[in-house]
Amino acid sequence: MGRDMKAWKDTDEFRPERFLAGGDAEGVGPLPGRKETRMMPFGAGHRFCPGVGLAMATMKGLFELKDFHRNIGGFQSIGFFPKEAFWIKGTTPPKFLWIHSYTSIL
């Protein structure tokens, strides 16, 4: 969110309710287009971020996985079971990766 005092009230204050219906920023969106562009996290004009589509798709995917991270110890409670996994090694610490992600028994 920009810190332009002409566009926003209390720019240094965290107030997410300003974007809800009835708030002073109702109708403001992160992407240029039909909505106002007071908030431009991906820039604008010739300096517009070319990776905006990838960033938005990644965020959508992360929000869809929120239940998995909350129930990491109990896959059965959400209906997912790991099929196959392996360890990878490199210059960074090893990371555990799921292959074929998850399968549902329901």
Protein backbone atom coordinates (compact mmCIF):
# COMPACT_ATOMS: atom_id res chain seq x y z
CA MET A 1 0.00 0.00 0.00
CA GLY A 2 1.36 3.38 -0.90
CA ARG A 3 2.03 5.96 1.79
CA ASP A 4 0.69 8.96 -0.08
CA MET A 5 -1.05 11.15 2.50
CA LYS A 6 -3.23 12.62 -0.27
CA ALA A 7 -4.63 9.17 -1.13
CA TRP A 8 -4.84 7.55 2.33
CA LYS A 9 -5.68 8.52 5.89
CA ASP A 10 -3.32 7.20 8.58
CA THR A 11 -0.87 5.68 6.10
CA ASP A 12 1.48 4.24 8.74
CA GLU A 13 -1.31 2.56 10.70
CA PHE A 14 -2.32 -1.06 10.04
CA ARG A 15 -6.08 -0.96 9.42
CA PRO A 16 -7.23 -3.83 7.17
CA GLU A 17 -10.87 -2.93 7.80
CA ARG A 18 -10.42 0.05 5.47
CA PHE A 19 -10.80 -2.37 2.52
CA LEU A 20 -14.09 -3.86 3.75
CA ALA A 21 -17.51 -2.66 2.63
CA GLY A 22 -18.16 0.76 4.11
CA GLY A 23 -14.45 1.45 4.68
CA ASP A 24 -12.66 4.45 3.22
CA ALA A 25 -10.89 2.18 0.68
CA GLU A 26 -13.87 0.14 -0.48
CA GLY A 27 -13.43 -0.66 -4.17
CA VAL A 28 -9.65 -0.27 -4.13
CA GLY A 29 -7.91 -3.26 -5.70
CA PRO A 30 -4.32 -4.44 -6.06
CA LEU A 31 -4.45 -4.55 -9.86
CA PRO A 32 -5.06 -1.66 -12.25
CA GLY A 33 -8.32 -1.79 -14.11
CA ARG A 34 -11.91 -1.15 -13.14
CA LYS A 35 -11.06 -0.43 -9.51
CA GLU A 36 -9.12 2.50 -8.17
CA THR A 37 -5.37 2.08 -8.15
CA ARG A 38 -4.37 3.78 -4.92
CA MET A 39 -2.81 0.48 -3.86
CA MET A 40 -0.31 -0.81 -6.42
CA PRO A 41 1.81 -3.65 -5.01
CA PHE A 42 2.92 -4.63 -8.54
CA GLY A 43 3.76 -1.17 -9.79
CA ALA A 44 2.20 0.57 -12.77
CA GLY A 45 2.95 1.77 -16.27
CA HIS A 46 6.15 0.69 -17.98
CA ARG A 47 7.53 -0.51 -14.62
CA PHE A 48 4.60 -2.87 -14.01
CA CYS A 49 5.73 -6.27 -12.66
CA PRO A 50 5.61 -8.94 -15.41
CA GLY A 51 5.23 -11.67 -12.77
CA VAL A 52 1.90 -10.44 -11.40
CA GLY A 53 -0.02 -13.44 -12.78
CA LEU A 54 2.42 -15.92 -11.25
CA ALA A 55 2.37 -14.08 -7.91
CA MET A 56 -1.42 -14.04 -7.73
CA ALA A 57 -1.66 -17.74 -8.70
CA THR A 58 0.94 -18.63 -6.06
CA MET A 59 -0.94 -16.73 -3.36
CA LYS A 60 -4.20 -18.42 -4.35
CA GLY A 61 -2.52 -21.82 -4.09
CA LEU A 62 -1.07 -20.99 -0.68
CA PHE A 63 -4.47 -19.99 0.64
CA GLU A 64 -5.94 -23.27 -0.64
CA LEU A 65 -3.32 -25.23 1.34
CA LYS A 66 -4.06 -23.53 4.66
CA ASP A 67 -5.92 -26.56 6.06
CA PHE A 68 -3.00 -28.86 5.25
CA HIS A 69 -0.54 -26.80 7.28
CA ARG A 70 -2.90 -26.58 10.23
CA ASN A 71 -3.42 -30.37 10.36
CA ILE A 72 0.07 -31.52 9.45
CA GLY A 73 0.06 -34.20 12.16
CA GLY A 74 -3.31 -35.69 11.31
CA PHE A 75 -3.82 -36.27 7.60
CA GLN A 76 -6.77 -38.53 8.31
CA SER A 77 -8.73 -35.66 9.84
CA ILE A 78 -8.86 -33.87 6.48
CA GLY A 79 -9.03 -36.97 4.25
CA PHE A 80 -5.51 -36.80 2.78
CA PHE A 81 -2.84 -39.47 2.95
CA PRO A 82 0.73 -39.17 1.68
CA LYS A 83 1.49 -41.57 -1.17
CA GLU A 84 5.22 -41.29 -1.66
CA ALA A 85 7.96 -38.96 -0.47
CA PHE A 86 11.72 -38.56 -0.73
CA TRP A 87 14.56 -36.40 0.59
CA ILE A 88 16.64 -34.13 -1.60
CA LYS A 89 20.12 -32.89 -0.69
CA GLY A 90 21.97 -29.86 -1.92
CA THR A 91 23.89 -26.88 -0.66
CA THR A 92 20.89 -25.86 1.44
CA PRO A 93 19.43 -27.98 4.26
CA PRO A 94 17.49 -31.03 3.00
CA LYS A 95 13.83 -30.53 2.28
CA PHE A 96 11.09 -33.12 2.40
CA LEU A 97 9.05 -33.25 -0.81
CA TRP A 98 5.80 -35.04 -1.51
CA ILE A 99 5.47 -36.80 -4.83
CA HIS A 100 1.96 -37.07 -6.21
CA SER A 101 1.02 -34.74 -3.35
CA TYR A 102 -1.95 -36.38 -1.68
CA THR A 103 -4.67 -38.82 -2.47
CA SER A 104 -8.09 -38.90 -0.93
CA ILE A 105 -9.72 -42.12 0.20
CA LEU A 106 -13.16 -40.55 0.30
